[in-house]
Amino acid sequence: MSVPAFEDGTWQSGDGLTLHYRDYAGRDDRPPILCIPGLTRNARDFEPVADAFAGEWRVICAELRGRGESDYAKDFSTYTPSQYVEDIVALLDAIGVSKVVSIGTSLGGIVTMLMAFMHPGKLAGVVLNDIGPDVEEAGLDRIKDYVGQGRSYPTWMHAARSLREGNADVYPDYDTKDWLRFAKRLCVVGNNGRISYDYDMHIAEPFNEPPPKPVDMWPLFAALGDVPVLALRGELSDILSAKTLQRMTKEMPAMDAVTVPNVGHVPTFEEPEAQQAVATLLGKVA
């Protein structure tokens, strides 16, 4: 897959970090697509979105603090959804954009819902990629098992094999070239020449601390209001259950709900079903 050209951009967080985004050019008569990645992911995750929609749409792929080319936080306690929201709002202010179509994968979807709640009026449309107001404990436990583990590998093939061992049930149809592509999105070559995950291992610290009391995210979901919303679910997901997706549809009848077959957490937007669903959502925005 050839990814269209992009420009690298940076912006400043309120606490002085330099954060990074990719900016794919597109039409200026419609709101940009803003892609917000999952917990351990980066701007490369959204190459399929850019490949499918850049040109017709401006596509901005943000890297949260502690990921990719964004600065790592000096204070690890700032690795929280509310801080990510403030960082994203600072990005929109910096580039002079008032409204976006937010595509949020996993944690990025939580950030999107929280932004709708904390900063109303900034969303022209929303894609929630395999995330909802209720998150399954089994999936959280699986993520806690690997996040913050500073593994490294001598070659890309070693990295791909490790990812296959840990994720074969998430992407059962993947072959070797798919796992290599997956590895190159998640990992980076370090200064020592070894391949490691492209995020600050300290993001695990706030994530692994349970909140003092359970957080009810249904009011955040309701804050999405009347904008077009698409909820994608991987058929094999252990984070977003079919039951939660059904309740989301009941709470928001105008929402599109699409299940992507034979993938888990998360769909990658390479799937034809996911791309068509996003195109349908964008058609409601344009």
C-alpha atoms as a PDB file:
ATOM      1  CA  MET A   1       0.000   0.000   0.000  1.00  0.00           C
ATOM      2  CA  SER A   2       1.428   3.366  -1.000  1.00  0.00           C
ATOM      3  CA  VAL A   3       0.719   6.060   1.561  1.00  0.00           C
ATOM      4  CA  PRO A   4       0.098   9.571   0.211  1.00  0.00           C
ATOM      5  CA  ALA A   5       2.549  12.329   1.010  1.00  0.00           C
ATOM      6  CA  PHE A   6       2.189  14.174   4.282  1.00  0.00           C
ATOM      7  CA  GLU A   7       3.821  17.026   6.147  1.00  0.00           C
ATOM      8  CA  ASP A   8       5.103  16.682   9.687  1.00  0.00           C
ATOM      9  CA  GLY A   9       3.807  19.267  12.133  1.00  0.00           C
ATOM     10  CA  THR A  10       4.287  20.029  15.803  1.00  0.00           C
ATOM     11  CA  TRP A  11       2.380  21.880  18.475  1.00  0.00           C
ATOM     12  CA  GLN A  12       2.963  22.793  22.105  1.00  0.00           C
ATOM     13  CA  SER A  13       1.087  21.369  25.063  1.00  0.00           C
ATOM     14  CA  GLY A  14       0.098  23.571  27.969  1.00  0.00           C
ATOM     15  CA  ASP A  15       2.904  22.082  30.073  1.00  0.00           C
ATOM     16  CA  GLY A  16       5.601  22.672  27.464  1.00  0.00           C
ATOM     17  CA  LEU A  17       5.842  19.428  25.503  1.00  0.00           C
ATOM     18  CA  THR A  18       6.415  19.430  21.761  1.00  0.00           C
ATOM     19  CA  LEU A  19       3.874  17.077  20.228  1.00  0.00           C
ATOM     20  CA  HIS A  20       3.822  15.712  16.683  1.00  0.00           C
ATOM     21  CA  TYR A  21       1.220  15.135  13.991  1.00  0.00           C
ATOM     22  CA  ARG A  22       1.071  14.072  10.364  1.00  0.00           C
ATOM     23  CA  ASP A  23      -0.871  16.353   8.025  1.00  0.00           C
ATOM     24  CA  TYR A  24      -2.184  14.933   4.746  1.00  0.00           C
ATOM     25  CA  ALA A  25      -3.523  17.636   2.412  1.00  0.00           C
ATOM     26  CA  GLY A  26      -7.153  17.711   1.375  1.00  0.00           C
ATOM     27  CA  ARG A  27     -10.052  19.963   0.507  1.00  0.00           C
ATOM     28  CA  ASP A  28     -10.473  23.061   2.642  1.00  0.00           C
ATOM     29  CA  ASP A  29     -14.259  23.330   2.199  1.00  0.00           C
ATOM     30  CA  ARG A  30     -14.998  20.550   4.688  1.00  0.00           C
ATOM     31  CA  PRO A  31     -13.782  19.811   8.219  1.00  0.00           C
ATOM     32  CA  PRO A  32     -10.554  17.820   8.461  1.00  0.00           C
ATOM     33  CA  ILE A  33     -10.442  14.237   9.663  1.00  0.00           C
ATOM     34  CA  LEU A  34      -8.602  14.062  12.991  1.00  0.00           C
ATOM     35  CA  CYS A  35      -7.226  10.621  13.862  1.00  0.00           C
ATOM     36  CA  ILE A  36      -6.520   9.868  17.526  1.00  0.00           C
ATOM     37  CA  PRO A  37      -4.708   6.564  18.149  1.00  0.00           C
ATOM     38  CA  GLY A  38      -5.006   3.900  20.791  1.00  0.00           C
ATOM     39  CA  LEU A  39      -3.022   3.466  23.984  1.00  0.00           C
ATOM     40  CA  THR A  40       0.316   2.304  22.562  1.00  0.00           C
ATOM     41  CA  ARG A  41      -0.111   3.453  18.976  1.00  0.00           C
ATOM     42  CA  ASN A  42       0.992   6.367  16.803  1.00  0.00           C
ATOM     43  CA  ALA A  43       0.255   8.247  13.577  1.00  0.00           C
ATOM     44  CA  ARG A  44       1.335   5.314  11.392  1.00  0.00           C
ATOM     45  CA  ASP A  45      -1.770   3.442  12.546  1.00  0.00           C
ATOM     46  CA  PHE A  46      -3.907   5.626  10.298  1.00  0.00           C
ATOM     47  CA  GLU A  47      -2.029   5.130   7.039  1.00  0.00           C
ATOM     48  CA  PRO A  48      -5.039   3.173   5.679  1.00  0.00           C
ATOM     49  CA  VAL A  49      -7.334   6.128   6.479  1.00  0.00           C
ATOM     50  CA  ALA A  50      -4.996   8.519   4.688  1.00  0.00           C
ATOM     51  CA  ASP A  51      -4.673   6.134   1.760  1.00  0.00           C
ATOM     52  CA  ALA A  52      -8.447   5.930   1.399  1.00  0.00           C
ATOM     53  CA  PHE A  53      -9.501   9.531   2.075  1.00  0.00           C
ATOM     54  CA  ALA A  54      -6.609  12.028   1.855  1.00  0.00           C
ATOM     55  CA  GLY A  55      -6.969  14.451  -1.028  1.00  0.00           C
ATOM     56  CA  GLU A  56     -10.731  14.563  -0.746  1.00  0.00           C
ATOM     57  CA  TRP A  57     -10.294  15.146   2.982  1.00  0.00           C
ATOM     58  CA  ARG A  58      -7.486  16.711   4.971  1.00  0.00           C
ATOM     59  CA  VAL A  59      -6.314  14.000   7.370  1.00  0.00           C
ATOM     60  CA  ILE A  60      -4.507  14.978  10.576  1.00  0.00           C
ATOM     61  CA  CYS A  61      -2.990  12.112  12.566  1.00  0.00           C
ATOM     62  CA  ALA A  62      -2.083  13.216  16.071  1.00  0.00           C
ATOM     63  CA  GLU A  63       0.472  11.481  18.256  1.00  0.00           C
ATOM     64  CA  LEU A  64      -0.432  11.683  21.921  1.00  0.00           C
ATOM     65  CA  ARG A  65       2.227  12.659  24.445  1.00  0.00           C
ATOM     66  CA  GLY A  66       4.626   9.789  25.002  1.00  0.00           C
ATOM     67  CA  ARG A  67       4.016   8.211  21.595  1.00  0.00           C
ATOM     68  CA  GLY A  68       5.847   8.302  18.288  1.00  0.00           C
ATOM     69  CA  GLU A  69       7.651  11.581  17.669  1.00  0.00           C
ATOM     70  CA  SER A  70       5.825  13.442  20.451  1.00  0.00           C
ATOM     71  CA  ASP A  71       7.782  14.312  23.588  1.00  0.00           C
ATOM     72  CA  TYR A  72       7.585  11.952  26.519  1.00  0.00           C
ATOM     73  CA  ALA A  73       5.939  13.498  29.569  1.00  0.00           C
ATOM     74  CA  LYS A  74       8.144  14.610  32.434  1.00  0.00           C
ATOM     75  CA  ASP A  75       5.254  13.922  34.808  1.00  0.00           C
ATOM     76  CA  PHE A  76       3.949  10.406  34.184  1.00  0.00           C
ATOM     77  CA  SER A  77       0.678  11.230  35.950  1.00  0.00           C
ATOM     78  CA  THR A  78      -0.267  13.352  32.910  1.00  0.00           C
ATOM     79  CA  TYR A  79      -0.771  10.225  30.820  1.00  0.00           C
ATOM     80  CA  THR A  80      -4.538  10.482  31.275  1.00  0.00           C
ATOM     81  CA  PRO A  81      -7.526  10.944  28.948  1.00  0.00           C
ATOM     82  CA  SER A  82      -8.364  14.400  30.331  1.00  0.00           C
ATOM     83  CA  GLN A  83      -4.822  15.601  29.594  1.00  0.00           C
ATOM     84  CA  TYR A  84      -4.954  14.104  26.105  1.00  0.00           C
ATOM     85  CA  VAL A  85      -8.162  16.082  25.489  1.00  0.00           C
ATOM     86  CA  GLU A  86      -6.444  19.332  26.470  1.00  0.00           C
ATOM     87  CA  ASP A  87      -3.508  18.457  24.203  1.00  0.00           C
ATOM     88  CA  ILE A  88      -5.847  17.790  21.262  1.00  0.00           C
ATOM     89  CA  VAL A  89      -7.739  21.042  21.846  1.00  0.00           C
ATOM     90  CA  ALA A  90      -4.369  22.840  21.855  1.00  0.00           C
ATOM     91  CA  LEU A  91      -3.604  21.206  18.487  1.00  0.00           C
ATOM     92  CA  LEU A  92      -6.880  22.423  16.987  1.00  0.00           C
ATOM     93  CA  ASP A  93      -6.180  25.921  18.287  1.00  0.00           C
ATOM     94  CA  ALA A  94      -2.631  25.835  16.916  1.00  0.00           C
ATOM     95  CA  ILE A  95      -3.705  24.878  13.383  1.00  0.00           C
ATOM     96  CA  GLY A  96      -6.765  27.122  13.403  1.00  0.00           C
ATOM     97  CA  VAL A  97      -9.369  24.413  13.004  1.00  0.00           C
ATOM     98  CA  SER A  98     -12.728  24.844  14.730  1.00  0.00           C
ATOM     99  CA  LYS A  99     -14.372  21.498  13.874  1.00  0.00           C
ATOM    100  CA  VAL A 100     -13.143  18.043  12.935  1.00  0.00           C
ATOM    101  CA  VAL A 101     -14.403  14.589  12.105  1.00  0.00           C
ATOM    102  CA  SER A 102     -12.737  12.597  14.849  1.00  0.00           C
ATOM    103  CA  ILE A 103     -11.695   8.998  14.209  1.00  0.00           C
ATOM    104  CA  GLY A 104     -10.764   7.602  17.600  1.00  0.00           C
ATOM    105  CA  THR A 105      -9.321   4.136  17.993  1.00  0.00           C
ATOM    106  CA  SER A 106      -9.803   2.576  21.440  1.00  0.00           C
ATOM    107  CA  LEU A 107      -8.296   5.166  23.843  1.00  0.00           C
ATOM    108  CA  GLY A 108      -8.675   7.697  21.012  1.00  0.00           C
ATOM    109  CA  GLY A 109     -12.411   7.062  21.072  1.00  0.00           C
ATOM    110  CA  ILE A 110     -12.526   7.727  24.814  1.00  0.00           C
ATOM    111  CA  VAL A 111     -10.625  10.966  24.205  1.00  0.00           C
ATOM    112  CA  THR A 112     -13.163  11.860  21.498  1.00  0.00           C
ATOM    113  CA  MET A 113     -16.144  11.266  23.779  1.00  0.00           C
ATOM    114  CA  LEU A 114     -14.488  13.181  26.606  1.00  0.00           C
ATOM    115  CA  MET A 115     -13.729  16.078  24.256  1.00  0.00           C
ATOM    116  CA  ALA A 116     -17.394  16.228  23.241  1.00  0.00           C
ATOM    117  CA  PHE A 117     -18.289  16.410  26.934  1.00  0.00           C
ATOM    118  CA  MET A 118     -15.612  18.936  27.971  1.00  0.00           C
ATOM    119  CA  HIS A 119     -15.458  21.077  24.802  1.00  0.00           C
ATOM    120  CA  PRO A 120     -18.831  20.938  23.006  1.00  0.00           C
ATOM    121  CA  GLY A 121     -19.075  22.028  19.386  1.00  0.00           C
ATOM    122  CA  LYS A 122     -15.711  20.828  18.092  1.00  0.00           C
ATOM    123  CA  LEU A 123     -16.966  17.661  16.386  1.00  0.00           C
ATOM    124  CA  ALA A 124     -18.613  17.501  12.956  1.00  0.00           C
ATOM    125  CA  GLY A 125     -18.699  13.702  12.966  1.00  0.00           C
ATOM    126  CA  VAL A 126     -17.279  10.802  14.961  1.00  0.00           C
ATOM    127  CA  VAL A 127     -15.928   7.309  14.361  1.00  0.00           C
ATOM    128  CA  LEU A 128     -15.528   5.215  17.514  1.00  0.00           C
ATOM    129  CA  ASN A 129     -13.228   2.345  16.564  1.00  0.00           C
ATOM    130  CA  ASP A 130     -13.854  -0.656  18.809  1.00  0.00           C
ATOM    131  CA  ILE A 131     -14.632   1.333  21.930  1.00  0.00           C
ATOM    132  CA  GLY A 132     -17.768   2.264  23.804  1.00  0.00           C
ATOM    133  CA  PRO A 133     -18.949   3.525  27.168  1.00  0.00           C
ATOM    134  CA  ASP A 134     -18.518   0.061  28.722  1.00  0.00           C
ATOM    135  CA  VAL A 135     -15.122  -1.627  28.390  1.00  0.00           C
ATOM    136  CA  GLU A 136     -14.795  -5.367  28.937  1.00  0.00           C
ATOM    137  CA  GLU A 137     -12.576  -6.410  31.859  1.00  0.00           C
ATOM    138  CA  ALA A 138     -11.093  -9.322  29.913  1.00  0.00           C
ATOM    139  CA  GLY A 139      -9.759  -6.952  27.279  1.00  0.00           C
ATOM    140  CA  LEU A 140      -8.384  -4.537  29.859  1.00  0.00           C
ATOM    141  CA  ASP A 141      -6.616  -7.391  31.616  1.00  0.00           C
ATOM    142  CA  ARG A 142      -5.054  -8.507  28.334  1.00  0.00           C
ATOM    143  CA  ILE A 143      -3.768  -4.988  27.643  1.00  0.00           C
ATOM    144  CA  LYS A 144      -2.361  -4.674  31.166  1.00  0.00           C
ATOM    145  CA  ASP A 145      -0.381  -7.840  30.531  1.00  0.00           C
ATOM    146  CA  TYR A 146       1.661  -6.228  27.758  1.00  0.00           C
ATOM    147  CA  VAL A 147       1.572  -2.434  28.106  1.00  0.00           C
ATOM    148  CA  GLY A 148       4.810  -1.021  29.476  1.00  0.00           C
ATOM    149  CA  GLN A 149       6.818  -4.189  28.846  1.00  0.00           C
ATOM    150  CA  GLY A 150      10.007  -2.854  27.259  1.00  0.00           C
ATOM    151  CA  ARG A 151      10.721  -5.677  24.862  1.00  0.00           C
ATOM    152  CA  SER A 152      13.080  -5.222  21.921  1.00  0.00           C
ATOM    153  CA  TYR A 153      14.064  -7.328  18.920  1.00  0.00           C
ATOM    154  CA  PRO A 154      17.145  -7.716  16.716  1.00  0.00           C
ATOM    155  CA  THR A 155      15.230  -7.743  13.401  1.00  0.00           C
ATOM    156  CA  TRP A 156      11.832  -6.791  11.991  1.00  0.00           C
ATOM    157  CA  MET A 157      11.082 -10.468  11.472  1.00  0.00           C
ATOM    158  CA  HIS A 158      11.659 -11.164  15.163  1.00  0.00           C
ATOM    159  CA  ALA A 159       9.279  -8.318  16.032  1.00  0.00           C
ATOM    160  CA  ALA A 160       6.679  -9.620  13.580  1.00  0.00           C
ATOM    161  CA  ARG A 161       6.889 -13.140  15.003  1.00  0.00           C
ATOM    162  CA  SER A 162       6.440 -11.840  18.544  1.00  0.00           C
ATOM    163  CA  LEU A 163       3.394  -9.800  17.517  1.00  0.00           C
ATOM    164  CA  ARG A 164       1.938 -12.831  15.750  1.00  0.00           C
ATOM    165  CA  GLU A 165       2.363 -14.939  18.888  1.00  0.00           C
ATOM    166  CA  GLY A 166       0.542 -12.345  20.979  1.00  0.00           C
ATOM    167  CA  ASN A 167      -2.132 -11.317  18.491  1.00  0.00           C
ATOM    168  CA  ALA A 168      -2.919 -14.288  16.257  1.00  0.00           C
ATOM    169  CA  ASP A 169      -6.435 -14.432  17.703  1.00  0.00           C
ATOM    170  CA  VAL A 170      -6.929 -10.709  16.945  1.00  0.00           C
ATOM    171  CA  TYR A 171      -5.968 -10.978  13.263  1.00  0.00           C
ATOM    172  CA  PRO A 172      -6.387 -14.659  12.382  1.00  0.00           C
ATOM    173  CA  ASP A 173      -6.159 -14.004   8.632  1.00  0.00           C
ATOM    174  CA  TYR A 174      -2.768 -12.246   8.743  1.00  0.00           C
ATOM    175  CA  ASP A 175       0.202 -13.689   6.872  1.00  0.00           C
ATOM    176  CA  THR A 176       3.900 -12.849   7.291  1.00  0.00           C
ATOM    177  CA  LYS A 177       3.793  -9.646   5.235  1.00  0.00           C
ATOM    178  CA  ASP A 178       0.799  -8.432   7.275  1.00  0.00           C
ATOM    179  CA  TRP A 179       2.643  -9.039  10.554  1.00  0.00           C
ATOM    180  CA  LEU A 180       5.696  -7.205   9.219  1.00  0.00           C
ATOM    181  CA  ARG A 181       3.543  -4.214   8.259  1.00  0.00           C
ATOM    182  CA  PHE A 182       1.910  -4.351  11.683  1.00  0.00           C
ATOM    183  CA  ALA A 183       5.325  -4.402  13.372  1.00  0.00           C
ATOM    184  CA  LYS A 184       6.504  -1.369  11.415  1.00  0.00           C
ATOM    185  CA  ARG A 185       3.471   0.589  12.567  1.00  0.00           C
ATOM    186  CA  LEU A 186       3.923  -0.294  16.237  1.00  0.00           C
ATOM    187  CA  CYS A 187       7.713  -0.310  16.497  1.00  0.00           C
ATOM    188  CA  VAL A 188      10.742   1.814  15.688  1.00  0.00           C
ATOM    189  CA  VAL A 189      14.490   1.252  15.330  1.00  0.00           C
ATOM    190  CA  GLY A 190      16.191   2.606  18.452  1.00  0.00           C
ATOM    191  CA  ASN A 191      19.574   4.277  18.831  1.00  0.00           C
ATOM    192  CA  ASN A 192      21.076   0.903  19.710  1.00  0.00           C
ATOM    193  CA  GLY A 193      19.868  -0.579  16.424  1.00  0.00           C
ATOM    194  CA  ARG A 194      17.281  -2.791  18.107  1.00  0.00           C
ATOM    195  CA  ILE A 195      13.580  -2.623  17.320  1.00  0.00           C
ATOM    196  CA  SER A 196      11.312  -1.582  20.169  1.00  0.00           C
ATOM    197  CA  TYR A 197       7.790  -0.315  20.758  1.00  0.00           C
ATOM    198  CA  ASP A 198       7.307   3.328  19.853  1.00  0.00           C
ATOM    199  CA  TYR A 199       5.975   4.698  23.137  1.00  0.00           C
ATOM    200  CA  ASP A 200       7.054   5.691  26.638  1.00  0.00           C
ATOM    201  CA  MET A 201       6.799   2.612  28.852  1.00  0.00           C
ATOM    202  CA  HIS A 202       5.637   4.897  31.676  1.00  0.00           C
ATOM    203  CA  ILE A 203       2.202   5.259  30.049  1.00  0.00           C
ATOM    204  CA  ALA A 204       1.435   1.985  31.810  1.00  0.00           C
ATOM    205  CA  GLU A 205       1.633   3.560  35.270  1.00  0.00           C
ATOM    206  CA  PRO A 206      -1.620   5.588  35.284  1.00  0.00           C
ATOM    207  CA  PHE A 207      -3.310   2.966  33.089  1.00  0.00           C
ATOM    208  CA  ASN A 208      -2.611   0.185  35.579  1.00  0.00           C
ATOM    209  CA  GLU A 209      -3.862   2.189  38.556  1.00  0.00           C
ATOM    210  CA  PRO A 210      -7.583   1.541  38.991  1.00  0.00           C
ATOM    211  CA  PRO A 211      -9.696   4.695  39.360  1.00  0.00           C
ATOM    212  CA  PRO A 212     -10.981   5.409  42.891  1.00  0.00           C
ATOM    213  CA  LYS A 213     -14.477   4.617  41.667  1.00  0.00           C
ATOM    214  CA  PRO A 214     -15.883   3.305  38.372  1.00  0.00           C
ATOM    215  CA  VAL A 215     -16.301   5.968  35.702  1.00  0.00           C
ATOM    216  CA  ASP A 216     -19.685   6.138  33.973  1.00  0.00           C
ATOM    217  CA  MET A 217     -18.884   6.949  30.349  1.00  0.00           C
ATOM    218  CA  TRP A 218     -22.469   6.881  29.070  1.00  0.00           C
ATOM    219  CA  PRO A 219     -22.873  10.655  29.644  1.00  0.00           C
ATOM    220  CA  LEU A 220     -19.713  11.131  27.534  1.00  0.00           C
ATOM    221  CA  PHE A 221     -21.244   9.046  24.762  1.00  0.00           C
ATOM    222  CA  ALA A 222     -24.468  11.056  24.993  1.00  0.00           C
ATOM    223  CA  ALA A 223     -22.403  14.258  24.622  1.00  0.00           C
ATOM    224  CA  LEU A 224     -21.725  13.292  20.993  1.00  0.00           C
ATOM    225  CA  GLY A 225     -25.219  14.693  20.483  1.00  0.00           C
ATOM    226  CA  ASP A 226     -26.644  15.105  17.024  1.00  0.00           C
ATOM    227  CA  VAL A 227     -23.487  14.778  14.895  1.00  0.00           C
ATOM    228  CA  PRO A 228     -23.126  11.743  12.600  1.00  0.00           C
ATOM    229  CA  VAL A 229     -21.598   8.855  14.566  1.00  0.00           C
ATOM    230  CA  LEU A 230     -20.211   5.508  13.411  1.00  0.00           C
ATOM    231  CA  ALA A 231     -19.351   2.754  15.874  1.00  0.00           C
ATOM    232  CA  LEU A 232     -17.039   0.074  14.483  1.00  0.00           C
ATOM    233  CA  ARG A 233     -16.651  -3.214  16.322  1.00  0.00           C
ATOM    234  CA  GLY A 234     -14.265  -6.030  15.591  1.00  0.00           C
ATOM    235  CA  GLU A 235     -16.274  -9.241  15.523  1.00  0.00           C
ATOM    236  CA  LEU A 236     -13.717 -10.913  17.820  1.00  0.00           C
ATOM    237  CA  SER A 237     -13.238  -7.891  20.104  1.00  0.00           C
ATOM    238  CA  ASP A 238     -12.620  -8.424  23.805  1.00  0.00           C
ATOM    239  CA  ILE A 239     -12.971  -4.669  24.520  1.00  0.00           C
ATOM    240  CA  LEU A 240     -16.307  -3.714  22.912  1.00  0.00           C
ATOM    241  CA  SER A 241     -18.970  -6.374  23.414  1.00  0.00           C
ATOM    242  CA  ALA A 242     -21.914  -6.972  21.100  1.00  0.00           C
ATOM    243  CA  LYS A 243     -24.157  -6.194  24.080  1.00  0.00           C
ATOM    244  CA  THR A 244     -22.574  -2.765  24.589  1.00  0.00           C
ATOM    245  CA  LEU A 245     -22.816  -1.980  20.875  1.00  0.00           C
ATOM    246  CA  GLN A 246     -26.497  -2.933  20.971  1.00  0.00           C
ATOM    247  CA  ARG A 247     -27.098  -0.553  23.886  1.00  0.00           C
ATOM    248  CA  MET A 248     -25.192   2.220  22.071  1.00  0.00           C
ATOM    249  CA  THR A 249     -27.522   1.792  19.098  1.00  0.00           C
ATOM    250  CA  LYS A 250     -30.542   1.922  21.382  1.00  0.00           C
ATOM    251  CA  GLU A 251     -29.273   5.082  23.120  1.00  0.00           C
ATOM    252  CA  MET A 252     -28.384   6.724  19.786  1.00  0.00           C
ATOM    253  CA  PRO A 253     -30.711   5.358  17.079  1.00  0.00           C
ATOM    254  CA  ALA A 254     -29.215   7.507  14.305  1.00  0.00           C
ATOM    255  CA  MET A 255     -25.747   6.018  14.884  1.00  0.00           C
ATOM    256  CA  ASP A 256     -24.329   3.636  12.300  1.00  0.00           C
ATOM    257  CA  ALA A 257     -23.084   0.396  13.870  1.00  0.00           C
ATOM    258  CA  VAL A 258     -20.843  -1.853  11.777  1.00  0.00           C
ATOM    259  CA  THR A 259     -19.177  -5.091  12.861  1.00  0.00           C
ATOM    260  CA  VAL A 260     -15.964  -5.893  10.991  1.00  0.00           C
ATOM    261  CA  PRO A 261     -15.754  -9.654  10.438  1.00  0.00           C
ATOM    262  CA  ASN A 262     -12.979 -11.880  11.736  1.00  0.00           C
ATOM    263  CA  VAL A 263     -10.879  -9.220  13.489  1.00  0.00           C
ATOM    264  CA  GLY A 264     -10.534  -8.425  17.175  1.00  0.00           C
ATOM    265  CA  HIS A 265      -9.394  -5.291  18.959  1.00  0.00           C
ATOM    266  CA  VAL A 266      -8.954  -3.285  16.806  1.00  0.00           C
ATOM    267  CA  PRO A 267     -10.032  -2.995  13.167  1.00  0.00           C
ATOM    268  CA  THR A 268      -7.195  -1.362  11.205  1.00  0.00           C
ATOM    269  CA  PHE A 269      -9.270   0.473   8.538  1.00  0.00           C
ATOM    270  CA  GLU A 270      -7.674  -1.748   5.891  1.00  0.00           C
ATOM    271  CA  GLU A 271     -10.818  -3.884   5.958  1.00  0.00           C
ATOM    272  CA  PRO A 272     -13.263  -3.084   3.106  1.00  0.00           C
ATOM    273  CA  GLU A 273     -16.174  -3.098   5.568  1.00  0.00           C
ATOM    274  CA  ALA A 274     -14.453  -0.488   7.762  1.00  0.00           C
ATOM    275  CA  GLN A 275     -13.516   1.738   4.823  1.00  0.00           C
ATOM    276  CA  GLN A 276     -17.038   1.627   3.402  1.00  0.00           C
ATOM    277  CA  ALA A 277     -18.513   2.450   6.808  1.00  0.00           C
ATOM    278  CA  VAL A 278     -16.210   5.457   7.184  1.00  0.00           C
ATOM    279  CA  ALA A 279     -17.040   6.615   3.650  1.00  0.00           C
ATOM    280  CA  THR A 280     -20.752   6.429   4.510  1.00  0.00           C
ATOM    281  CA  LEU A 281     -20.172   8.448   7.691  1.00  0.00           C
ATOM    282  CA  LEU A 282     -18.168  11.073   5.791  1.00  0.00           C
ATOM    283  CA  GLY A 283     -20.980  11.311   3.265  1.00  0.00           C
ATOM    284  CA  LYS A 284     -23.235  12.500   6.082  1.00  0.00           C
ATOM    285  CA  VAL A 285     -20.714  15.213   7.025  1.00  0.00           C
ATOM    286  CA  ALA A 286     -19.773  16.563   3.589  1.00  0.00           C
END
